[in-house]
Amino acid sequence: MGLQVDEQEVSHSRLATIAPFLAGATAGLVCDATVFPMDTIRVRYRGPAMPEELRGASNSTGLKKVASRLQRYSLLSEASAILRTEGIRGFYKGLSVVMLTSCPAFGVYYLTYEALKSRMSTMAAGKEWSQDVVHLTAGALANVCGMVIWTPQEVVKSQTQVQTQSSINPSTVVRQIYSQNGVRGFYRGAVIGSLTWTPLSAIWFMSFERLKSLSARQDTVENMDRMAPGALALSGFIAGVIACTATSPIDVVKTQYQVAGRGVAASSLVGSSPPSTAVDIAGALLRNEGPIGFFRGVCAKSVWYGTFMAINITVYNSVKLALQECGS
């Protein structure tokens, strides 16, 4: 009888240990399937260059005039163009590669965050200010681990999304990338990607934990993991907007750099010879569009990421609690 109890305790302990991985994998799958069309619009809007009529507008006119002219090149017009030329399927280009990689990536992401948060919180116990450092650090390192999977996913997905030909699919893009650059091609922009997503993840987790704590105090909830789903989702959304606004400039450069691979997406970018480095792209953006170019699509990114993380953290928390209850 004692042996049976011990085996049950071991089984429950193992389930509790892997609960963040399983919950993260589920959350990633649900979120990617839900908000993928928004991401396609975001990448199309940020990836290609601004139309010729707007080029240099920010250097020759006031910001109000630029904003007025940009209305003709809006997110809605981008969505309308996709629907008109490619149909509903155009919004889901690259979804298959995301569905295959999101489960393990988000599983590793949340497993790493929870493990580091638990250990570092114990070390920093009793120091209120130190919790922000804990969440920043754990969020940053969790992203670094997840990027081993996310970087190839993002490269293939982005280059598939910017294609307008219906015959281009992820498998075609994968073959083209590998034939031209080998394995290194799948990690194109890994450094600049890390410089974008690592602070984004760190800022999101810090902001989210702060907002969650504030919401729990107002609602007098003792266990923050058992907050109302609506409050959890709202905290996740607001944290997403904060993080996106802070990291928008480098994200614009990163997106254009990743879709500028020769032979795959070059035809959709500025000229036949796109800039070869992130610094070149940043310089071209500044010359052609001015400072406003670094914030192109920031609203779309904020809405997309905020919505994504609101759904993600709500699903993650619900699945994690369910698994923990099964193991108790």
Protein backbone atom coordinates (compact mmCIF):
# COMPACT_ATOMS: atom_id res chain seq x y z
CA MET A 1 0.00 0.00 0.00
CA GLY A 2 2.81 2.38 0.89
CA LEU A 3 4.56 1.62 -2.39
CA GLN A 4 1.40 2.48 -4.31
CA VAL A 5 1.09 5.82 -2.52
CA ASP A 6 4.74 6.62 -3.25
CA GLU A 7 4.23 5.85 -6.94
CA GLN A 8 1.19 8.14 -7.05
CA GLU A 9 3.16 10.94 -5.39
CA VAL A 10 5.98 10.54 -7.91
CA SER A 11 3.46 10.57 -10.77
CA HIS A 12 1.77 13.70 -9.42
CA SER A 13 5.14 15.38 -8.89
CA ARG A 14 6.16 14.68 -12.48
CA LEU A 15 2.86 16.05 -13.77
CA ALA A 16 3.32 19.23 -11.73
CA THR A 17 6.85 19.59 -13.12
CA ILE A 18 5.84 19.31 -16.77
CA ALA A 19 2.54 21.20 -16.36
CA PRO A 20 4.08 24.51 -17.57
CA PHE A 21 5.40 22.77 -20.70
CA LEU A 22 2.07 21.12 -21.55
CA ALA A 23 0.08 24.27 -20.74
CA GLY A 24 2.46 26.43 -22.78
CA ALA A 25 2.25 24.08 -25.76
CA THR A 26 -1.54 24.18 -25.67
CA ALA A 27 -1.63 27.97 -25.31
CA GLY A 28 0.74 28.46 -28.24
CA LEU A 29 -1.34 26.22 -30.50
CA VAL A 30 -4.62 27.96 -29.65
CA CYS A 31 -3.18 31.47 -30.00
CA ASP A 32 -1.42 30.97 -33.31
CA ALA A 33 -4.54 29.51 -34.90
CA THR A 34 -6.64 32.40 -33.55
CA VAL A 35 -4.61 35.52 -34.37
CA PHE A 36 -2.55 34.38 -37.38
CA PRO A 37 -4.45 36.57 -39.91
CA MET A 38 -3.54 39.66 -37.84
CA ASP A 39 0.11 38.64 -37.97
CA THR A 40 0.00 38.22 -41.75
CA ILE A 41 -1.34 41.76 -42.16
CA ARG A 42 1.35 43.05 -39.77
CA VAL A 43 4.21 41.36 -41.67
CA ARG A 44 2.88 42.47 -45.08
CA TYR A 45 2.50 46.03 -43.82
CA ARG A 46 5.98 46.18 -42.30
CA GLY A 47 7.91 43.97 -44.68
CA PRO A 48 7.60 45.62 -48.09
CA ALA A 49 8.71 49.18 -48.62
CA MET A 50 6.33 52.08 -48.47
CA PRO A 51 4.66 52.91 -51.80
CA GLU A 52 6.65 55.17 -54.13
CA GLU A 53 4.28 58.10 -53.65
CA LEU A 54 5.10 58.19 -49.94
CA ARG A 55 8.85 57.76 -50.25
CA GLY A 56 10.68 60.71 -48.77
CA ALA A 57 7.40 62.32 -47.71
CA SER A 58 8.54 62.60 -44.12
CA ASN A 59 11.59 64.58 -45.24
CA SER A 60 9.66 67.02 -47.42
CA THR A 61 6.38 67.52 -45.60
CA GLY A 62 5.04 67.90 -42.09
CA LEU A 63 3.99 64.96 -39.99
CA LYS A 64 0.31 65.82 -40.43
CA LYS A 65 0.60 65.62 -44.19
CA VAL A 66 2.52 62.35 -43.94
CA ALA A 67 -0.14 60.90 -41.65
CA SER A 68 -2.86 61.95 -44.07
CA ARG A 69 -1.11 60.29 -47.01
CA LEU A 70 -0.39 57.18 -44.98
CA GLN A 71 -4.12 56.62 -44.58
CA ARG A 72 -4.16 55.38 -48.18
CA TYR A 73 -1.59 52.79 -47.16
CA SER A 74 -3.34 51.60 -44.03
CA LEU A 75 -3.73 48.26 -42.36
CA LEU A 76 -7.26 48.02 -43.70
CA SER A 77 -6.08 48.60 -47.26
CA GLU A 78 -3.43 45.91 -46.76
CA ALA A 79 -6.07 43.47 -45.52
CA SER A 80 -8.35 44.41 -48.41
CA ALA A 81 -5.55 43.82 -50.92
CA ILE A 82 -4.83 40.36 -49.50
CA LEU A 83 -8.51 39.41 -49.61
CA ARG A 84 -8.96 40.77 -53.13
CA THR A 85 -5.90 39.13 -54.70
CA GLU A 86 -5.47 35.94 -52.67
CA GLY A 87 -8.74 35.28 -50.90
CA ILE A 88 -9.14 34.03 -47.34
CA ARG A 89 -6.24 31.58 -47.77
CA GLY A 90 -3.87 34.52 -48.17
CA PHE A 91 -4.27 35.37 -44.49
CA TYR A 92 -3.07 31.92 -43.46
CA LYS A 93 0.14 31.62 -45.48
CA GLY A 94 2.83 30.07 -43.30
CA LEU A 95 0.38 28.75 -40.69
CA SER A 96 1.46 25.14 -41.10
CA VAL A 97 5.07 25.76 -40.06
CA VAL A 98 3.87 27.78 -37.07
CA MET A 99 1.52 25.02 -35.93
CA LEU A 100 4.37 22.48 -36.06
CA THR A 101 6.80 24.58 -34.04
CA SER A 102 4.64 26.56 -31.62
CA CYS A 103 3.91 23.66 -29.27
CA PRO A 104 7.52 22.84 -28.36
CA ALA A 105 8.60 26.50 -28.48
CA PHE A 106 5.96 27.77 -26.06
CA GLY A 107 6.38 24.68 -23.92
CA VAL A 108 10.08 25.44 -23.46
CA TYR A 109 9.30 29.15 -23.03
CA TYR A 110 6.93 28.76 -20.10
CA LEU A 111 8.81 25.87 -18.52
CA THR A 112 11.98 27.98 -18.44
CA TYR A 113 10.17 31.05 -17.11
CA GLU A 114 8.41 29.20 -14.30
CA ALA A 115 11.57 27.37 -13.23
CA LEU A 116 13.71 30.52 -13.18
CA LYS A 117 10.99 32.60 -11.55
CA SER A 118 10.57 30.05 -8.75
CA ARG A 119 14.28 29.73 -8.03
CA MET A 120 15.10 33.43 -8.33
CA SER A 121 12.08 34.48 -6.24
CA THR A 122 13.33 32.28 -3.41
CA MET A 123 16.74 33.93 -3.61
CA ALA A 124 15.20 37.42 -3.64
CA ALA A 125 12.59 36.79 -0.94
CA GLY A 126 11.67 39.83 1.14
CA LYS A 127 12.89 42.41 -1.36
CA GLU A 128 9.92 44.04 -3.07
CA TRP A 129 11.93 45.86 -5.74
CA SER A 130 13.81 42.70 -6.66
CA GLN A 131 10.69 40.99 -8.03
CA ASP A 132 10.81 43.22 -11.12
CA VAL A 133 14.38 42.08 -11.71
CA VAL A 134 13.31 38.45 -11.27
CA HIS A 135 10.51 38.77 -13.83
CA LEU A 136 12.68 40.72 -16.28
CA THR A 137 15.51 38.19 -16.09
CA ALA A 138 13.31 35.10 -16.20
CA GLY A 139 11.32 36.52 -19.12
CA ALA A 140 14.47 37.36 -21.06
CA LEU A 141 16.13 33.96 -20.56
CA ALA A 142 12.90 32.12 -21.35
CA ASN A 143 12.81 33.89 -24.70
CA VAL A 144 16.44 33.03 -25.45
CA CYS A 145 15.63 29.34 -24.97
CA GLY A 146 12.47 29.54 -27.06
CA MET A 147 14.25 31.32 -29.90
CA VAL A 148 16.18 28.17 -30.78
CA ILE A 149 12.86 27.04 -32.28
CA TRP A 150 11.19 30.38 -32.94
CA THR A 151 13.89 31.90 -35.17
CA PRO A 152 13.63 29.32 -38.00
CA GLN A 153 9.84 29.47 -37.64
CA GLU A 154 9.81 33.26 -37.97
CA VAL A 155 12.13 33.28 -41.00
CA VAL A 156 10.08 30.71 -42.92
CA LYS A 157 6.76 32.20 -41.83
CA SER A 158 7.68 35.79 -42.72
CA GLN A 159 9.08 34.92 -46.14
CA THR A 160 5.97 32.85 -46.88
CA GLN A 161 3.61 35.60 -45.74
CA VAL A 162 5.08 38.31 -47.97
CA GLN A 163 4.66 36.20 -51.11
CA THR A 164 1.67 37.03 -53.30
CA GLN A 165 1.92 33.96 -55.54
CA SER A 166 -0.51 31.24 -54.44
CA SER A 167 2.00 28.56 -55.50
CA ILE A 168 4.49 29.60 -52.80
CA ASN A 169 4.13 27.53 -49.63
CA PRO A 170 6.31 26.89 -46.55
CA SER A 171 7.95 23.78 -48.02
CA THR A 172 9.00 25.76 -51.11
CA VAL A 173 10.43 28.52 -48.93
CA VAL A 174 12.29 25.98 -46.77
CA ARG A 175 13.92 24.43 -49.85
CA GLN A 176 14.90 27.84 -51.24
CA ILE A 177 16.42 28.98 -47.96
CA TYR A 178 18.39 25.77 -47.50
CA SER A 179 19.63 25.66 -51.11
CA GLN A 180 20.91 29.24 -50.92
CA ASN A 181 22.24 29.52 -47.38
CA GLY A 182 22.12 26.10 -45.73
CA VAL A 183 21.13 25.79 -42.08
CA ARG A 184 22.46 29.29 -41.38
CA GLY A 185 19.70 30.69 -43.58
CA PHE A 186 17.08 29.60 -41.06
CA TYR A 187 18.77 31.72 -38.41
CA ARG A 188 18.94 34.85 -40.54
CA GLY A 189 18.37 37.80 -38.25
CA ALA A 190 18.78 35.69 -35.10
CA VAL A 191 20.86 38.34 -33.35
CA ILE A 192 18.58 41.25 -34.20
CA GLY A 193 15.60 38.99 -33.50
CA SER A 194 16.97 38.31 -30.05
CA LEU A 195 17.51 42.03 -29.54
CA THR A 196 13.82 42.53 -30.36
CA TRP A 197 12.03 39.64 -28.70
CA THR A 198 14.21 39.26 -25.61
CA PRO A 199 13.48 42.75 -24.23
CA LEU A 200 9.88 42.42 -25.45
CA SER A 201 9.48 39.21 -23.44
CA ALA A 202 11.24 40.67 -20.42
CA ILE A 203 9.15 43.85 -20.43
CA TRP A 204 5.95 41.88 -20.99
CA PHE A 205 6.50 39.55 -18.05
CA MET A 206 7.51 42.39 -15.74
CA SER A 207 4.51 44.50 -16.76
CA PHE A 208 2.14 41.54 -16.62
CA GLU A 209 3.24 40.43 -13.16
CA ARG A 210 2.87 43.99 -11.88
CA LEU A 211 -0.59 44.40 -13.41
CA LYS A 212 -1.64 40.97 -12.18
CA SER A 213 -0.52 41.81 -8.66
CA LEU A 214 -2.39 45.13 -8.75
CA SER A 215 -5.55 43.49 -10.05
CA ALA A 216 -5.37 40.75 -7.43
CA ARG A 217 -5.11 43.33 -4.65
CA GLN A 218 -8.12 45.25 -5.91
CA ASP A 219 -10.19 42.06 -6.20
CA THR A 220 -8.82 40.71 -2.88
CA VAL A 221 -7.69 37.49 -4.55
CA GLU A 222 -5.20 35.60 -2.37
CA ASN A 223 -3.90 33.25 -5.10
CA MET A 224 -3.03 35.29 -8.20
CA ASP A 225 -3.13 32.16 -10.37
CA ARG A 226 -6.85 31.92 -9.61
CA MET A 227 -7.74 35.39 -10.86
CA ALA A 228 -10.79 35.84 -13.07
CA PRO A 229 -9.92 35.05 -16.72
CA GLY A 230 -11.08 38.52 -17.78
CA ALA A 231 -8.71 40.28 -15.39
CA LEU A 232 -5.88 37.99 -16.45
CA ALA A 233 -6.54 38.66 -20.15
CA LEU A 234 -6.73 42.43 -19.62
CA SER A 235 -3.40 42.41 -17.76
CA GLY A 236 -1.85 40.41 -20.60
CA PHE A 237 -3.17 42.79 -23.25
CA ILE A 238 -2.01 45.99 -21.54
CA ALA A 239 1.41 44.48 -20.88
CA GLY A 240 1.62 43.59 -24.57
CA VAL A 241 0.91 47.17 -25.66
CA ILE A 242 3.57 48.50 -23.28
CA ALA A 243 6.19 46.02 -24.48
CA CYS A 244 5.46 46.56 -28.19
CA THR A 245 5.66 50.33 -28.00
CA ALA A 246 9.05 50.13 -26.30
CA THR A 247 10.56 47.77 -28.90
CA SER A 248 8.91 48.94 -32.14
CA PRO A 249 11.92 50.53 -33.94
CA ILE A 250 14.16 47.48 -33.82
CA ASP A 251 11.24 45.18 -34.67
CA VAL A 252 10.58 47.07 -37.91
CA VAL A 253 14.24 46.68 -38.91
CA LYS A 254 14.24 42.99 -37.92
CA THR A 255 11.13 42.20 -39.98
CA GLN A 256 12.49 43.88 -43.12
CA TYR A 257 15.87 42.19 -42.63
CA GLN A 258 14.33 38.72 -42.35
CA VAL A 259 12.16 39.05 -45.46
CA ALA A 260 15.04 40.46 -47.53
CA GLY A 261 16.54 37.09 -48.44
CA ARG A 262 17.74 37.02 -52.04
CA GLY A 263 15.64 34.94 -54.38
CA VAL A 264 12.83 34.43 -51.87
CA ALA A 265 11.39 37.81 -51.06
CA ALA A 266 13.71 40.27 -52.75
CA SER A 267 11.20 41.08 -55.45
CA SER A 268 8.78 42.42 -52.85
CA LEU A 269 11.26 44.82 -51.27
CA VAL A 270 12.81 48.10 -52.33
CA GLY A 271 14.72 47.69 -55.59
CA SER A 272 16.38 44.54 -56.88
CA SER A 273 19.26 44.65 -54.40
CA PRO A 274 17.89 44.98 -50.86
CA PRO A 275 20.17 46.24 -48.06
CA SER A 276 22.40 43.45 -46.78
CA THR A 277 22.68 44.38 -43.11
CA ALA A 278 20.38 45.61 -40.36
CA VAL A 279 22.35 48.87 -40.21
CA ASP A 280 21.83 49.41 -43.95
CA ILE A 281 18.09 48.79 -43.57
CA ALA A 282 17.86 51.22 -40.66
CA GLY A 283 19.70 53.85 -42.69
CA ALA A 284 17.44 53.32 -45.71
CA LEU A 285 14.36 53.61 -43.51
CA LEU A 286 15.58 56.86 -42.00
CA ARG A 287 16.42 58.35 -45.42
CA ASN A 288 13.24 57.25 -47.19
CA GLU A 289 10.62 57.53 -44.48
CA GLY A 290 12.14 59.47 -41.61
CA PRO A 291 11.69 58.56 -37.93
CA ILE A 292 8.04 57.66 -38.55
CA GLY A 293 9.22 54.66 -40.55
CA PHE A 294 10.49 52.97 -37.39
CA PHE A 295 6.97 53.00 -35.98
CA ARG A 296 5.22 51.73 -39.07
CA GLY A 297 2.67 49.16 -37.93
CA VAL A 298 3.19 49.77 -34.20
CA CYS A 299 -0.58 49.84 -33.65
CA ALA A 300 -0.99 46.58 -35.54
CA LYS A 301 1.85 44.95 -33.60
CA SER A 302 0.45 46.18 -30.28
CA VAL A 303 -3.06 44.93 -31.02
CA TRP A 304 -1.75 41.64 -32.40
CA TYR A 305 0.72 40.94 -29.59
CA GLY A 306 -1.59 42.24 -26.87
CA THR A 307 -4.43 40.03 -28.12
CA PHE A 308 -2.07 37.09 -28.59
CA MET A 309 -0.68 37.29 -25.07
CA ALA A 310 -4.10 37.95 -23.53
CA ILE A 311 -5.39 34.70 -25.03
CA ASN A 312 -2.08 32.92 -24.46
CA ILE A 313 -1.77 33.64 -20.75
CA THR A 314 -5.46 32.91 -20.12
CA VAL A 315 -5.29 29.52 -21.84
CA TYR A 316 -1.93 28.77 -20.23
CA ASN A 317 -3.16 29.55 -16.73
CA SER A 318 -6.38 27.54 -17.17
CA VAL A 319 -4.59 24.46 -18.50
CA LYS A 320 -1.86 24.68 -15.87
CA LEU A 321 -4.41 24.87 -13.03
CA ALA A 322 -6.35 21.94 -14.49
CA LEU A 323 -3.18 19.83 -14.71
CA GLN A 324 -2.15 20.76 -11.17
CA GLU A 325 -5.58 19.79 -9.86
CA CYS A 326 -5.35 16.46 -11.67
CA GLY A 327 -2.02 15.86 -9.99
CA SER A 328 -3.16 16.84 -6.51
